[in-house]
C-alpha atoms as a PDB file:
ATOM      1  CA  MET A   1      97.064  93.809 112.069  1.00  0.00           C
ATOM      2  CA  ILE A   2      98.613  94.535 108.685  1.00  0.00           C
ATOM      3  CA  LEU A   3      98.851  98.208 107.691  1.00  0.00           C
ATOM      4  CA  VAL A   4      99.787  99.190 104.137  1.00  0.00           C
ATOM      5  CA  ASN A   5      99.650 102.384 102.115  1.00  0.00           C
ATOM      6  CA  THR A   6      98.600 100.544  98.946  1.00  0.00           C
ATOM      7  CA  ASP A   7      95.053  99.581  98.008  1.00  0.00           C
ATOM      8  CA  TYR A   8      95.946  95.887  97.850  1.00  0.00           C
ATOM      9  CA  ILE A   9      97.960  93.203  99.644  1.00  0.00           C
ATOM     10  CA  SER A  10      99.826  90.866  97.301  1.00  0.00           C
ATOM     11  CA  GLY A  11      98.294  87.401  97.149  1.00  0.00           C
ATOM     12  CA  LYS A  12      95.191  88.345  99.142  1.00  0.00           C
ATOM     13  CA  GLU A  13      91.633  88.857  98.002  1.00  0.00           C
ATOM     14  CA  LEU A  14      90.080  91.600 100.115  1.00  0.00           C
ATOM     15  CA  GLU A  15      86.576  92.358 101.309  1.00  0.00           C
ATOM     16  CA  MET A  16      86.190  96.032 102.213  1.00  0.00           C
ATOM     17  CA  LEU A  17      84.611  96.668 105.603  1.00  0.00           C
ATOM     18  CA  GLY A  18      84.722 100.452 105.692  1.00  0.00           C
ATOM     19  CA  LEU A  19      86.681 103.551 106.552  1.00  0.00           C
ATOM     20  CA  VAL A  20      88.495 103.594 109.885  1.00  0.00           C
ATOM     21  CA  ARG A  21      90.328 106.443 111.527  1.00  0.00           C
ATOM     22  CA  GLY A  22      92.117 107.459 114.659  1.00  0.00           C
ATOM     23  CA  SER A  23      93.135 110.906 115.778  1.00  0.00           C
ATOM     24  CA  THR A  24      94.614 112.864 118.621  1.00  0.00           C
ATOM     25  CA  ILE A  25      95.505 116.440 119.458  1.00  0.00           C
ATOM     26  CA  GLN A  26      98.681 116.873 121.432  1.00  0.00           C
ATOM     27  CA  THR A  27     100.765 119.704 122.801  1.00  0.00           C
ATOM     28  CA  LYS A  28     104.050 120.141 124.622  1.00  0.00           C
ATOM     29  CA  ASN A  29     104.211 121.793 128.007  1.00  0.00           C
ATOM     30  CA  VAL A  30     105.102 125.475 128.378  1.00  0.00           C
ATOM     31  CA  GLY A  31     108.660 124.687 129.511  1.00  0.00           C
ATOM     32  CA  HIS A  32     109.366 122.791 126.304  1.00  0.00           C
ATOM     33  CA  ASP A  33     107.740 125.549 124.242  1.00  0.00           C
ATOM     34  CA  ILE A  34     110.079 128.143 125.726  1.00  0.00           C
ATOM     35  CA  THR A  35     113.247 126.087 125.237  1.00  0.00           C
ATOM     36  CA  GLN A  36     112.211 125.097 121.711  1.00  0.00           C
ATOM     37  CA  SER A  37     111.517 128.726 120.779  1.00  0.00           C
ATOM     38  CA  PHE A  38     115.184 129.505 121.485  1.00  0.00           C
ATOM     39  CA  LYS A  39     116.096 126.907 118.838  1.00  0.00           C
ATOM     40  CA  THR A  40     114.451 129.084 116.216  1.00  0.00           C
ATOM     41  CA  LEU A  41     117.109 131.708 116.889  1.00  0.00           C
ATOM     42  CA  VAL A  42     120.088 129.408 116.295  1.00  0.00           C
ATOM     43  CA  GLY A  43     118.542 126.699 114.113  1.00  0.00           C
ATOM     44  CA  GLY A  44     118.516 122.961 114.537  1.00  0.00           C
ATOM     45  CA  GLU A  45     116.134 120.122 115.112  1.00  0.00           C
ATOM     46  CA  LEU A  46     113.200 120.643 117.461  1.00  0.00           C
ATOM     47  CA  LYS A  47     113.521 117.293 119.244  1.00  0.00           C
ATOM     48  CA  ALA A  48     110.717 117.885 121.730  1.00  0.00           C
ATOM     49  CA  TYR A  49     108.283 118.489 118.866  1.00  0.00           C
ATOM     50  CA  ASN A  50     109.564 115.431 116.982  1.00  0.00           C
ATOM     51  CA  GLU A  51     108.841 113.362 120.084  1.00  0.00           C
ATOM     52  CA  MET A  52     105.382 114.923 120.384  1.00  0.00           C
ATOM     53  CA  MET A  53     104.558 114.121 116.755  1.00  0.00           C
ATOM     54  CA  ASP A  54     105.908 110.549 117.039  1.00  0.00           C
ATOM     55  CA  SER A  55     103.719 110.013 120.075  1.00  0.00           C
ATOM     56  CA  ALA A  56     100.695 111.528 118.323  1.00  0.00           C
ATOM     57  CA  ARG A  57     101.164 109.325 115.231  1.00  0.00           C
ATOM     58  CA  ALA A  58     101.482 106.205 117.413  1.00  0.00           C
ATOM     59  CA  LEU A  59      98.275 107.061 119.298  1.00  0.00           C
ATOM     60  CA  ALA A  60      96.362 107.862 116.087  1.00  0.00           C
ATOM     61  CA  ASN A  61      97.536 104.522 114.630  1.00  0.00           C
ATOM     62  CA  LYS A  62      96.453 102.667 117.770  1.00  0.00           C
ATOM     63  CA  ARG A  63      92.984 104.216 117.640  1.00  0.00           C
ATOM     64  CA  MET A  64      92.605 103.434 113.930  1.00  0.00           C
ATOM     65  CA  ILE A  65      93.619  99.800 114.568  1.00  0.00           C
ATOM     66  CA  GLN A  66      91.098  99.552 117.415  1.00  0.00           C
ATOM     67  CA  GLN A  67      88.309 100.654 115.052  1.00  0.00           C
ATOM     68  CA  ALA A  68      89.456  98.123 112.445  1.00  0.00           C
ATOM     69  CA  GLU A  69      89.574  95.308 115.014  1.00  0.00           C
ATOM     70  CA  ALA A  70      86.047  96.199 116.155  1.00  0.00           C
ATOM     71  CA  LEU A  71      84.914  95.580 112.549  1.00  0.00           C
ATOM     72  CA  GLY A  72      86.708  92.224 112.472  1.00  0.00           C
ATOM     73  CA  ALA A  73      89.363  93.430 110.016  1.00  0.00           C
ATOM     74  CA  ASP A  74      92.542  91.562 109.162  1.00  0.00           C
ATOM     75  CA  ALA A  75      94.252  94.640 107.738  1.00  0.00           C
ATOM     76  CA  VAL A  76      93.945  98.320 106.897  1.00  0.00           C
ATOM     77  CA  VAL A  77      94.831  99.322 103.349  1.00  0.00           C
ATOM     78  CA  ASN A  78      95.460 102.709 101.794  1.00  0.00           C
ATOM     79  CA  VAL A  79      96.631 104.119 105.150  1.00  0.00           C
ATOM     80  CA  ARG A  80      97.148 107.876 105.119  1.00  0.00           C
ATOM     81  CA  TYR A  81      98.086 110.512 107.679  1.00  0.00           C
ATOM     82  CA  ALA A  82      96.924 114.096 107.973  1.00  0.00           C
ATOM     83  CA  THR A  83      98.174 116.769 110.329  1.00  0.00           C
ATOM     84  CA  SER A  84      97.029 120.247 111.182  1.00  0.00           C
ATOM     85  CA  ALA A  85      98.091 122.955 113.587  1.00  0.00           C
ATOM     86  CA  ILE A  86      95.383 123.661 116.137  1.00  0.00           C
ATOM     87  CA  MET A  87      97.204 126.461 117.964  1.00  0.00           C
ATOM     88  CA  ALA A  88     100.815 127.363 118.712  1.00  0.00           C
ATOM     89  CA  GLY A  89     102.529 124.213 119.954  1.00  0.00           C
ATOM     90  CA  ALA A  90      99.523 121.934 119.423  1.00  0.00           C
ATOM     91  CA  ALA A  91      98.874 119.635 116.488  1.00  0.00           C
ATOM     92  CA  GLU A  92      96.218 117.175 115.409  1.00  0.00           C
ATOM     93  CA  VAL A  93      97.298 113.939 113.765  1.00  0.00           C
ATOM     94  CA  MET A  94      94.799 111.694 111.996  1.00  0.00           C
ATOM     95  CA  ALA A  95      95.470 108.223 110.606  1.00  0.00           C
ATOM     96  CA  TYR A  96      92.860 106.753 108.270  1.00  0.00           C
ATOM     97  CA  GLY A  97      92.392 103.931 105.813  1.00  0.00           C
ATOM     98  CA  THR A  98      90.081 101.163 104.657  1.00  0.00           C
ATOM     99  CA  ALA A  99      89.518  98.196 106.952  1.00  0.00           C
ATOM    100  CA  VAL A 100      89.525  94.906 105.039  1.00  0.00           C
ATOM    101  CA  LYS A 101      88.987  91.233 105.720  1.00  0.00           C
ATOM    102  CA  PHE A 102      90.834  88.492 103.848  1.00  0.00           C
ATOM    103  CA  VAL A 103      88.633  86.361 101.610  1.00  0.00           C
ATOM    104  CA  ASN A 104      89.693  82.693 101.376  1.00  0.00           C
ATOM    105  CA  ASN A 105      92.667  83.065 103.739  1.00  0.00           C
END
């Protein structure tokens, strides 16, 4: 599956199939929340939260691709990501784009 953040793929004529999306809401466990809160006192990267967000983006991508494959898509164009805080330590990540099929491969 090809994923691009443009509305075209060079050299390909595209047939739009529709909007596809994937999302997840993830949180870290309480132990990580406590240790990460100490980081705010001294500064530095919050590695546990980076890992959580990487995992959330990967899962949202996977779910978006599954929707595209169910439509028979060859690619997803104009891929975008949105995030929002749900509560302290929890975030939603959504991946979305337009599923397309190649015309005259």
